[in-house]
N, C-alpha and C. Protein backbone atom coordinates (compact mmCIF):
# COMPACT_ATOMS: atom_id res chain seq x y z
N UNK A 1 -117.84 18.41 172.02
CA UNK A 1 -117.48 17.30 172.86
C UNK A 1 -117.94 17.80 174.36
N UNK A 2 -118.54 16.92 174.93
CA UNK A 2 -119.11 17.33 176.35
C UNK A 2 -118.06 17.00 177.37
N UNK A 3 -117.86 17.88 178.38
CA UNK A 3 -116.94 17.70 179.39
C UNK A 3 -117.06 16.36 180.21
N UNK A 4 -118.38 15.97 180.38
CA UNK A 4 -118.58 14.73 181.11
C UNK A 4 -117.91 13.46 180.53
N UNK A 5 -117.67 13.56 179.17
CA UNK A 5 -117.02 12.39 178.68
C UNK A 5 -115.60 12.25 179.17
N UNK A 6 -114.88 13.38 179.34
CA UNK A 6 -113.54 13.25 179.95
C UNK A 6 -113.56 12.97 181.43
N UNK A 7 -114.53 13.41 182.16
CA UNK A 7 -114.52 13.04 183.63
C UNK A 7 -114.93 11.68 183.78
N UNK A 8 -116.01 11.26 182.92
CA UNK A 8 -116.43 9.76 183.13
C UNK A 8 -115.29 8.90 182.80
N UNK A 9 -114.57 9.23 181.76
CA UNK A 9 -113.41 8.37 181.21
C UNK A 9 -112.38 8.23 182.19
N UNK A 10 -112.03 9.28 183.08
CA UNK A 10 -111.01 9.23 184.04
C UNK A 10 -111.56 8.38 185.14
N UNK A 11 -112.79 8.47 185.42
CA UNK A 11 -113.34 7.70 186.57
C UNK A 11 -113.46 6.18 186.28
N UNK A 12 -113.47 5.90 184.89
CA UNK A 12 -113.60 4.51 184.61
C UNK A 12 -112.21 3.74 184.68
N UNK A 13 -111.16 4.53 184.83
CA UNK A 13 -109.87 4.00 185.04
C UNK A 13 -109.71 3.22 186.41
N UNK A 14 -110.47 3.49 187.42
CA UNK A 14 -110.29 2.91 188.73
C UNK A 14 -110.56 1.35 188.66
N UNK A 15 -111.84 0.93 188.23
CA UNK A 15 -112.09 -0.42 188.21
C UNK A 15 -111.20 -1.19 187.28
N UNK A 16 -110.80 -0.64 186.10
CA UNK A 16 -109.98 -1.32 185.28
C UNK A 16 -108.56 -1.51 185.84
N UNK A 17 -108.11 -0.43 186.55
CA UNK A 17 -106.63 -0.64 187.14
C UNK A 17 -106.75 -1.71 188.29
N UNK A 18 -107.68 -1.75 189.04
CA UNK A 18 -107.79 -2.67 190.07
C UNK A 18 -108.07 -4.15 189.65
N UNK A 19 -108.58 -4.25 188.35
CA UNK A 19 -108.82 -5.59 187.84
C UNK A 19 -107.45 -6.41 187.67
N UNK A 20 -106.41 -5.67 187.41
CA UNK A 20 -105.13 -6.33 187.46
C UNK A 20 -104.67 -6.95 186.18
N UNK A 21 -105.66 -7.32 185.31
CA UNK A 21 -105.20 -8.10 184.23
C UNK A 21 -105.38 -7.21 182.90
N UNK A 22 -105.78 -6.05 182.94
CA UNK A 22 -106.08 -5.23 181.78
C UNK A 22 -107.37 -5.48 181.09
N UNK A 23 -108.20 -6.39 181.62
CA UNK A 23 -109.60 -6.66 181.04
C UNK A 23 -110.48 -5.73 181.74
N UNK A 24 -111.56 -5.37 181.05
CA UNK A 24 -112.55 -4.57 181.63
C UNK A 24 -113.14 -5.13 182.83
N UNK A 25 -113.67 -4.20 183.81
CA UNK A 25 -114.39 -4.82 184.83
C UNK A 25 -115.77 -5.16 184.48
N UNK A 26 -116.55 -5.98 185.16
CA UNK A 26 -117.76 -6.57 184.72
C UNK A 26 -118.78 -5.16 184.64
N UNK A 27 -119.69 -5.29 183.73
CA UNK A 27 -120.66 -4.14 183.55
C UNK A 27 -122.03 -4.61 183.92
N UNK A 28 -122.76 -3.69 184.36
CA UNK A 28 -124.15 -3.90 184.68
C UNK A 28 -124.88 -4.04 183.39
N UNK A 29 -125.91 -4.95 183.34
CA UNK A 29 -126.76 -5.15 182.18
C UNK A 29 -127.60 -3.75 181.97
N UNK A 30 -127.79 -3.43 180.80
CA UNK A 30 -128.68 -2.20 180.53
C UNK A 30 -130.04 -2.62 180.76
N UNK A 31 -130.89 -1.87 181.53
CA UNK A 31 -132.17 -2.32 181.95
C UNK A 31 -133.26 -2.10 180.74
N UNK A 32 -132.97 -1.31 179.73
CA UNK A 32 -133.95 -1.01 178.75
C UNK A 32 -133.52 -1.44 177.35
N UNK A 33 -134.25 -2.16 176.68
CA UNK A 33 -134.06 -2.36 175.21
C UNK A 33 -132.74 -3.29 174.90
N UNK A 34 -132.77 -3.45 173.63
CA UNK A 34 -131.63 -4.23 173.12
C UNK A 34 -130.48 -3.24 172.86
N UNK A 35 -129.23 -3.97 172.81
CA UNK A 35 -128.09 -3.02 172.54
C UNK A 35 -128.06 -2.49 171.11
N UNK A 36 -127.64 -1.30 171.14
CA UNK A 36 -127.61 -0.62 169.79
C UNK A 36 -126.62 -1.32 168.90
N UNK A 37 -126.88 -1.50 167.58
CA UNK A 37 -125.86 -2.12 166.82
C UNK A 37 -124.93 -1.19 166.24
N UNK A 38 -123.56 -1.62 165.89
CA UNK A 38 -122.52 -0.87 165.49
C UNK A 38 -122.88 -0.46 164.03
N UNK A 39 -122.79 0.85 163.68
CA UNK A 39 -123.10 1.20 162.24
C UNK A 39 -122.23 0.49 161.33
N UNK A 40 -122.89 0.28 160.18
CA UNK A 40 -122.07 -0.46 159.04
C UNK A 40 -120.88 0.27 158.59
N UNK A 41 -120.87 1.64 158.68
CA UNK A 41 -119.68 2.45 158.12
C UNK A 41 -118.92 2.99 159.43
N UNK A 42 -119.00 2.25 160.45
CA UNK A 42 -118.31 2.71 161.84
C UNK A 42 -116.79 2.85 161.52
N UNK A 43 -116.21 4.00 162.06
CA UNK A 43 -114.76 4.19 162.06
C UNK A 43 -113.96 3.20 162.82
N UNK A 44 -114.51 2.83 163.92
CA UNK A 44 -113.84 1.86 164.77
C UNK A 44 -114.76 0.56 164.73
N UNK A 45 -113.88 -0.51 164.55
CA UNK A 45 -114.62 -1.89 164.48
C UNK A 45 -113.83 -2.97 165.15
N UNK A 46 -114.48 -4.06 165.57
CA UNK A 46 -113.76 -5.08 166.28
C UNK A 46 -112.63 -5.70 165.46
N UNK A 47 -111.65 -6.02 166.17
CA UNK A 47 -110.34 -6.75 165.51
C UNK A 47 -109.38 -5.71 165.04
N UNK A 48 -109.78 -4.42 164.94
CA UNK A 48 -108.78 -3.47 164.45
C UNK A 48 -107.52 -3.21 165.62
N UNK A 49 -106.42 -2.88 164.97
CA UNK A 49 -105.43 -2.36 165.82
C UNK A 49 -105.10 -0.80 165.57
N UNK A 50 -105.19 -0.11 166.67
CA UNK A 50 -104.98 1.35 166.59
C UNK A 50 -103.59 1.65 167.26
N UNK A 51 -102.99 2.68 166.73
CA UNK A 51 -101.62 3.06 167.24
C UNK A 51 -101.89 4.39 167.85
N UNK A 52 -101.44 4.55 169.12
CA UNK A 52 -101.45 5.75 169.97
C UNK A 52 -100.02 6.29 169.97
N UNK A 53 -99.82 7.38 169.33
CA UNK A 53 -98.54 7.98 169.39
C UNK A 53 -98.72 9.52 170.16
N UNK A 54 -97.65 9.88 170.69
CA UNK A 54 -97.80 11.36 171.23
C UNK A 54 -96.44 11.71 172.03
N UNK A 55 -96.66 12.88 172.59
CA UNK A 55 -95.57 13.43 173.42
C UNK A 55 -96.35 13.85 174.72
N UNK A 56 -95.73 13.38 175.93
CA UNK A 56 -96.20 13.62 177.12
C UNK A 56 -95.92 15.25 177.42
N UNK A 57 -96.51 15.69 178.46
CA UNK A 57 -96.34 17.09 178.94
C UNK A 57 -94.84 17.26 179.24
N UNK A 58 -94.21 16.15 179.73
CA UNK A 58 -92.75 16.21 180.06
C UNK A 58 -91.74 16.05 178.87
N UNK A 59 -92.41 15.89 177.61
CA UNK A 59 -91.58 15.70 176.46
C UNK A 59 -91.17 14.33 176.09
N UNK A 60 -91.61 13.43 176.83
CA UNK A 60 -91.37 11.90 176.48
C UNK A 60 -92.22 11.49 175.26
N UNK A 61 -91.66 10.96 174.31
CA UNK A 61 -92.30 10.50 173.10
C UNK A 61 -92.78 9.02 173.43
N UNK A 62 -94.14 8.70 172.98
CA UNK A 62 -94.63 7.40 173.26
C UNK A 62 -95.22 6.90 171.93
N UNK A 63 -95.39 5.44 171.98
CA UNK A 63 -95.99 4.72 170.81
C UNK A 63 -96.47 3.50 171.37
N UNK A 64 -97.84 3.28 171.24
CA UNK A 64 -98.50 2.09 171.79
C UNK A 64 -99.47 1.53 170.80
N UNK A 65 -99.45 0.23 170.60
CA UNK A 65 -100.46 -0.45 169.80
C UNK A 65 -101.54 -0.92 170.72
N UNK A 66 -102.86 -0.73 170.28
CA UNK A 66 -103.97 -1.07 171.16
C UNK A 66 -104.87 -1.95 170.12
N UNK A 67 -104.96 -3.29 170.44
CA UNK A 67 -105.60 -4.38 169.70
C UNK A 67 -106.96 -4.44 170.36
N UNK A 68 -108.05 -4.21 169.45
CA UNK A 68 -109.49 -4.36 169.95
C UNK A 68 -109.89 -5.84 169.76
N UNK A 69 -110.61 -6.23 170.56
CA UNK A 69 -111.18 -7.58 170.59
C UNK A 69 -111.94 -7.94 169.33
N UNK A 70 -112.24 -9.10 169.07
CA UNK A 70 -112.97 -9.57 167.89
C UNK A 70 -114.43 -9.48 168.11
N UNK A 71 -114.92 -9.27 169.36
CA UNK A 71 -116.31 -9.26 169.57
C UNK A 71 -116.88 -7.82 169.40
N UNK A 72 -118.13 -7.82 169.16
CA UNK A 72 -118.88 -6.51 169.01
C UNK A 72 -118.75 -5.68 170.31
N UNK A 73 -118.71 -4.37 170.12
CA UNK A 73 -118.48 -3.56 171.36
C UNK A 73 -119.75 -3.44 172.16
N UNK A 74 -119.63 -2.96 173.35
CA UNK A 74 -120.80 -2.65 174.18
C UNK A 74 -121.19 -1.20 174.12
N UNK A 75 -122.52 -0.90 173.93
CA UNK A 75 -123.03 0.51 173.78
C UNK A 75 -123.36 1.02 175.19
N UNK A 76 -122.88 2.19 175.52
CA UNK A 76 -123.21 2.79 176.85
C UNK A 76 -122.96 4.27 176.54
N UNK A 77 -123.81 4.87 175.82
CA UNK A 77 -123.56 6.32 175.33
C UNK A 77 -122.17 6.41 174.74
N UNK A 78 -121.77 5.38 174.11
CA UNK A 78 -120.60 5.33 173.25
C UNK A 78 -120.17 3.90 173.05
N UNK A 79 -119.28 3.53 172.22
CA UNK A 79 -118.90 2.14 171.93
C UNK A 79 -117.71 1.84 172.68
N UNK A 80 -117.90 0.93 173.68
CA UNK A 80 -116.78 0.40 174.59
C UNK A 80 -116.21 -0.94 173.95
N UNK A 81 -115.07 -0.76 173.37
CA UNK A 81 -114.50 -2.06 172.76
C UNK A 81 -113.57 -2.63 173.88
N UNK A 82 -113.50 -3.97 173.88
CA UNK A 82 -112.56 -4.70 174.63
C UNK A 82 -111.18 -4.43 173.98
N UNK A 83 -110.24 -4.00 174.70
CA UNK A 83 -108.94 -3.76 174.19
C UNK A 83 -107.95 -4.57 174.91
N UNK A 84 -106.78 -4.83 174.30
CA UNK A 84 -105.86 -5.69 175.12
C UNK A 84 -105.07 -4.95 176.26
N UNK A 85 -104.93 -3.62 176.13
CA UNK A 85 -104.21 -2.91 177.02
C UNK A 85 -104.98 -1.96 177.95
N UNK A 86 -106.25 -1.99 177.73
CA UNK A 86 -106.98 -1.05 178.59
C UNK A 86 -108.30 -0.47 177.97
N UNK A 87 -108.53 0.85 177.88
CA UNK A 87 -109.73 1.46 177.52
C UNK A 87 -109.71 1.80 176.14
N UNK A 88 -110.75 1.60 175.28
CA UNK A 88 -110.88 2.16 174.02
C UNK A 88 -112.42 2.44 173.85
N UNK A 89 -112.84 3.66 173.86
CA UNK A 89 -114.14 4.08 173.63
C UNK A 89 -114.30 5.07 172.53
N UNK A 90 -115.32 4.88 171.61
CA UNK A 90 -115.56 5.67 170.55
C UNK A 90 -116.88 6.38 170.68
N UNK A 91 -116.93 7.60 170.93
CA UNK A 91 -118.17 8.33 170.92
C UNK A 91 -118.60 8.79 169.61
N UNK A 92 -119.39 8.14 168.78
CA UNK A 92 -119.60 8.58 167.53
C UNK A 92 -120.32 9.86 167.29
N UNK A 93 -121.25 10.21 168.28
CA UNK A 93 -122.03 11.34 168.19
C UNK A 93 -121.18 12.52 168.46
N UNK A 94 -120.26 12.43 169.44
CA UNK A 94 -119.39 13.60 169.82
C UNK A 94 -118.09 13.61 169.00
N UNK A 95 -117.90 12.60 168.22
CA UNK A 95 -116.72 12.45 167.38
C UNK A 95 -115.46 12.44 168.24
N UNK A 96 -115.40 11.63 169.30
CA UNK A 96 -114.25 11.53 170.14
C UNK A 96 -113.81 10.02 170.31
N UNK A 97 -112.57 9.80 170.63
CA UNK A 97 -112.05 8.53 170.83
C UNK A 97 -111.29 8.67 172.13
N UNK A 98 -111.53 7.85 173.10
CA UNK A 98 -110.67 7.81 174.32
C UNK A 98 -109.90 6.46 174.34
N UNK A 99 -108.63 6.45 174.35
CA UNK A 99 -107.90 5.24 174.40
C UNK A 99 -106.81 5.40 175.54
N UNK A 100 -106.64 4.24 176.27
CA UNK A 100 -105.77 4.30 177.40
C UNK A 100 -104.87 3.03 177.48
N UNK A 101 -103.62 3.16 177.54
CA UNK A 101 -102.66 2.05 177.65
C UNK A 101 -102.38 1.93 179.23
N UNK A 102 -103.27 1.03 179.72
CA UNK A 102 -103.12 0.86 181.38
C UNK A 102 -102.17 -0.30 181.68
N UNK A 103 -102.20 -1.40 180.85
CA UNK A 103 -101.58 -2.54 181.08
C UNK A 103 -100.04 -2.46 181.14
N UNK A 104 -99.58 -1.72 180.13
CA UNK A 104 -98.12 -1.53 180.15
C UNK A 104 -97.60 -0.88 181.42
N UNK A 105 -98.38 0.32 181.76
CA UNK A 105 -97.96 0.90 183.11
C UNK A 105 -98.02 0.20 184.22
N UNK A 106 -98.98 -0.70 184.32
CA UNK A 106 -99.21 -1.68 185.42
C UNK A 106 -98.13 -2.68 185.45
N UNK A 107 -97.74 -3.13 184.28
CA UNK A 107 -96.79 -4.22 184.33
C UNK A 107 -95.36 -3.86 184.56
N UNK A 108 -94.98 -2.70 184.10
CA UNK A 108 -93.57 -2.16 184.38
C UNK A 108 -93.48 -1.03 185.25
N UNK A 109 -94.50 -0.71 185.97
CA UNK A 109 -94.65 0.32 186.88
C UNK A 109 -94.30 1.76 186.33
N UNK A 110 -94.66 1.96 185.19
CA UNK A 110 -94.47 3.11 184.49
C UNK A 110 -95.84 3.89 184.38
N UNK A 111 -95.95 5.04 183.63
CA UNK A 111 -97.08 5.82 183.57
C UNK A 111 -98.09 5.19 182.71
N UNK A 112 -99.38 5.50 183.10
CA UNK A 112 -100.52 5.16 182.23
C UNK A 112 -100.55 6.35 181.28
N UNK A 113 -100.90 6.01 180.07
CA UNK A 113 -101.03 7.06 179.00
C UNK A 113 -102.51 7.02 178.53
N UNK A 114 -103.17 8.03 178.51
CA UNK A 114 -104.61 8.31 178.03
C UNK A 114 -104.65 9.26 176.96
N UNK A 115 -105.15 8.85 175.87
CA UNK A 115 -105.42 9.85 174.75
C UNK A 115 -106.88 10.16 174.59
N UNK A 116 -107.21 11.44 174.71
CA UNK A 116 -108.55 11.78 174.39
C UNK A 116 -108.52 12.66 173.06
N UNK A 117 -108.99 11.98 172.03
CA UNK A 117 -108.77 12.64 170.71
C UNK A 117 -110.13 12.86 170.06
N UNK A 118 -109.96 13.96 169.28
CA UNK A 118 -111.33 14.38 168.40
C UNK A 118 -111.03 13.77 167.10
N UNK A 119 -112.03 13.13 166.56
CA UNK A 119 -111.95 12.57 165.15
C UNK A 119 -111.73 13.47 164.12
N UNK A 120 -110.67 13.15 163.32
CA UNK A 120 -110.32 13.98 162.09
C UNK A 120 -110.00 12.92 161.09
N UNK A 121 -110.90 12.81 160.06
CA UNK A 121 -110.71 11.98 158.92
C UNK A 121 -110.82 10.49 159.54
N UNK A 122 -109.79 9.67 159.23
CA UNK A 122 -109.76 8.31 159.68
C UNK A 122 -109.09 8.01 160.89
N UNK A 123 -108.81 9.13 161.75
CA UNK A 123 -108.10 8.94 162.98
C UNK A 123 -108.67 9.92 163.95
N UNK A 124 -107.73 10.29 164.92
CA UNK A 124 -108.14 11.24 165.92
C UNK A 124 -106.91 11.95 166.55
N UNK A 125 -106.94 13.16 166.95
CA UNK A 125 -105.93 13.86 167.44
C UNK A 125 -106.39 14.58 168.67
N UNK A 126 -105.53 14.69 169.69
CA UNK A 126 -105.97 15.43 170.88
C UNK A 126 -105.00 15.47 171.96
N UNK A 127 -105.47 15.23 173.23
CA UNK A 127 -104.69 15.52 174.48
C UNK A 127 -104.15 14.11 175.09
N UNK A 128 -102.92 14.16 175.55
CA UNK A 128 -102.36 12.99 176.09
C UNK A 128 -102.14 13.45 177.60
N UNK A 129 -102.82 12.46 178.52
CA UNK A 129 -102.66 12.67 179.88
C UNK A 129 -101.88 11.38 180.36
N UNK A 130 -100.87 11.69 181.24
CA UNK A 130 -99.95 10.56 181.72
C UNK A 130 -99.78 10.70 183.16
N UNK A 131 -99.61 9.52 183.80
CA UNK A 131 -99.34 9.47 185.16
C UNK A 131 -99.78 8.16 185.78
N UNK A 132 -99.55 7.99 187.00
CA UNK A 132 -100.20 6.85 187.76
C UNK A 132 -101.63 7.16 187.95
N UNK A 133 -102.38 6.09 188.39
CA UNK A 133 -103.82 6.29 188.50
C UNK A 133 -104.23 7.30 189.44
N UNK A 134 -103.44 7.58 190.55
CA UNK A 134 -103.85 8.60 191.65
C UNK A 134 -103.66 10.00 190.79
N UNK A 135 -102.64 10.17 190.14
CA UNK A 135 -102.34 11.38 189.51
C UNK A 135 -103.52 11.76 188.36
N UNK A 136 -103.77 10.63 187.58
CA UNK A 136 -104.93 10.86 186.53
C UNK A 136 -106.21 11.17 187.32
N UNK A 137 -106.49 10.51 188.39
CA UNK A 137 -107.69 10.86 189.19
C UNK A 137 -107.68 12.31 189.75
N UNK A 138 -106.57 12.73 190.13
CA UNK A 138 -106.45 14.16 190.63
C UNK A 138 -106.80 15.14 189.66
N UNK A 139 -106.71 14.81 188.41
CA UNK A 139 -107.02 15.88 187.32
C UNK A 139 -108.57 16.07 187.18
N UNK A 140 -109.37 15.18 187.79
CA UNK A 140 -110.75 15.25 187.60
C UNK A 140 -111.26 16.72 188.03
N UNK A 141 -110.88 17.08 189.32
CA UNK A 141 -111.37 18.47 189.67
C UNK A 141 -110.86 19.63 188.82
N UNK A 142 -109.61 19.44 188.34
CA UNK A 142 -109.10 20.45 187.44
C UNK A 142 -109.89 20.46 186.02
N UNK A 143 -110.05 19.20 185.62
CA UNK A 143 -110.96 19.07 184.40
C UNK A 143 -112.33 19.68 184.39
N UNK A 144 -112.83 19.65 185.60
CA UNK A 144 -114.13 20.29 185.94
C UNK A 144 -114.09 21.78 185.58
N UNK A 145 -113.01 22.31 185.78
CA UNK A 145 -112.80 23.87 185.65
C UNK A 145 -112.85 24.14 184.08
N UNK A 146 -112.56 23.19 183.33
CA UNK A 146 -112.37 23.42 181.91
C UNK A 146 -113.73 23.61 181.22
N UNK A 147 -114.22 24.85 181.24
CA UNK A 147 -115.74 24.97 180.74
C UNK A 147 -115.85 25.19 179.26
N UNK A 148 -114.82 25.25 178.49
CA UNK A 148 -114.85 25.54 176.90
C UNK A 148 -115.49 24.27 176.35
N UNK A 149 -116.21 24.46 175.26
CA UNK A 149 -116.60 23.35 174.45
C UNK A 149 -115.67 23.41 173.30
N UNK A 150 -114.65 22.63 173.13
CA UNK A 150 -113.75 22.69 171.99
C UNK A 150 -114.32 22.21 170.72
N UNK A 151 -114.00 22.84 169.63
CA UNK A 151 -114.58 22.47 168.32
C UNK A 151 -113.54 21.67 167.59
N UNK A 152 -112.20 21.65 167.98
CA UNK A 152 -111.26 20.80 167.36
C UNK A 152 -110.18 20.34 168.39
N UNK A 153 -109.21 19.63 167.92
CA UNK A 153 -108.27 19.05 168.87
C UNK A 153 -107.33 20.23 169.45
N UNK A 154 -106.96 21.15 168.64
CA UNK A 154 -106.13 22.25 169.19
C UNK A 154 -106.80 22.94 170.40
N UNK A 155 -108.30 23.21 170.17
CA UNK A 155 -108.87 23.92 171.21
C UNK A 155 -109.09 22.93 172.50
N UNK A 156 -109.12 21.71 172.22
CA UNK A 156 -109.30 20.73 173.33
C UNK A 156 -107.91 20.76 174.13
N UNK A 157 -106.78 20.72 173.47
CA UNK A 157 -105.49 20.70 174.25
C UNK A 157 -105.33 22.06 174.97
N UNK A 158 -105.83 23.22 174.36
CA UNK A 158 -105.67 24.45 175.04
C UNK A 158 -106.54 24.57 176.33
N UNK A 159 -107.79 24.03 176.14
CA UNK A 159 -108.77 24.08 177.36
C UNK A 159 -108.28 23.24 178.37
N UNK A 160 -107.74 21.96 178.19
CA UNK A 160 -107.07 21.15 179.29
C UNK A 160 -106.03 21.78 179.94
N UNK A 161 -105.12 22.43 179.17
CA UNK A 161 -103.87 23.02 179.78
C UNK A 161 -104.34 24.24 180.56
N UNK A 162 -105.30 25.07 180.00
CA UNK A 162 -105.77 26.32 180.80
C UNK A 162 -106.36 25.87 182.07
N UNK A 163 -106.95 24.79 182.20
CA UNK A 163 -107.50 24.25 183.47
C UNK A 163 -106.48 23.84 184.37
N UNK A 164 -105.26 23.79 183.99
CA UNK A 164 -104.07 23.46 184.97
C UNK A 164 -103.61 21.99 184.85
N UNK A 165 -104.05 21.31 183.90
CA UNK A 165 -103.65 19.86 183.69
C UNK A 165 -102.49 19.80 182.86
N UNK A 166 -101.47 19.19 183.26
CA UNK A 166 -100.26 19.04 182.43
C UNK A 166 -100.60 18.04 181.31
N UNK A 167 -100.76 18.51 180.12
CA UNK A 167 -101.19 17.67 179.03
C UNK A 167 -100.18 17.69 177.77
N UNK A 168 -99.94 16.63 177.24
CA UNK A 168 -99.22 16.49 176.00
C UNK A 168 -100.22 16.45 174.85
N UNK A 169 -99.69 15.86 173.89
CA UNK A 169 -100.64 15.72 172.54
C UNK A 169 -100.54 14.29 171.96
N UNK A 170 -101.47 13.83 171.36
CA UNK A 170 -101.49 12.50 170.79
C UNK A 170 -102.30 12.39 169.64
N UNK A 171 -102.04 11.30 168.94
CA UNK A 171 -102.68 10.91 167.65
C UNK A 171 -103.08 9.46 167.74
N UNK A 172 -104.21 9.11 167.26
CA UNK A 172 -104.70 7.74 167.18
C UNK A 172 -104.85 7.48 165.65
N UNK A 173 -104.27 6.42 165.32
CA UNK A 173 -104.25 6.02 163.73
C UNK A 173 -104.56 4.51 163.64
N UNK A 174 -105.39 4.18 162.64
CA UNK A 174 -105.72 2.77 162.52
C UNK A 174 -104.37 2.14 161.73
N UNK A 175 -104.01 1.04 162.26
CA UNK A 175 -102.74 0.29 161.71
C UNK A 175 -103.32 -0.46 160.53
N UNK A 176 -102.60 -0.27 159.31
CA UNK A 176 -103.01 -0.99 158.15
C UNK A 176 -102.10 -2.07 157.88
C-alpha cells in the first residue's frame, strides 16, 4: 500500500464534509481516454451493502452499514463508489478499501469514522480513524511520518500508531 492513498483519502474528506448532504462533491472530468471498466470479478460492486465494524482508539465499538449506489463507480486511480454515508474507495491494485461514515457524524454531531483496510479474502481489515473533520485532517502530517510499507493489516495498524496517530481497528465485510 502506498502512503499517498491514506493522505489523499484524508484530504478528500473536506469537500464531502462541506457538501452537507453526504453526497460526493462534483468531480473534474478525466482529460484522457474513456473510464476504465469495473472488472467482472470485482470484489466491490454497485448496489452492495458493506458493514464497517471496529473499535476506536478510545475503546468505543462501532458498527455502520454503507450502501453503495447502483451506478457504476468512477475510476481515478481506484474505484470511487457513490455511498449513502460518505466515502467508499476500492484500490484493486493496492488491495485496499477506504470507507468513511461521514453522514452519521455530521447529522448527530458525533465523530466521523474512517476505515482504511487491506483486503483479506472477501473483506478487509485495518485501521479505524475517528474524530471530527479538523481532527482527521490534523493526522495528515503525522501520517506523512509513517514511512513503512505495510504488508498486512497488522503492520498497517502498527505503522499508523507508531506515527503518533490514535488508531483503532476495523473490519469491512459484505452484507449478505
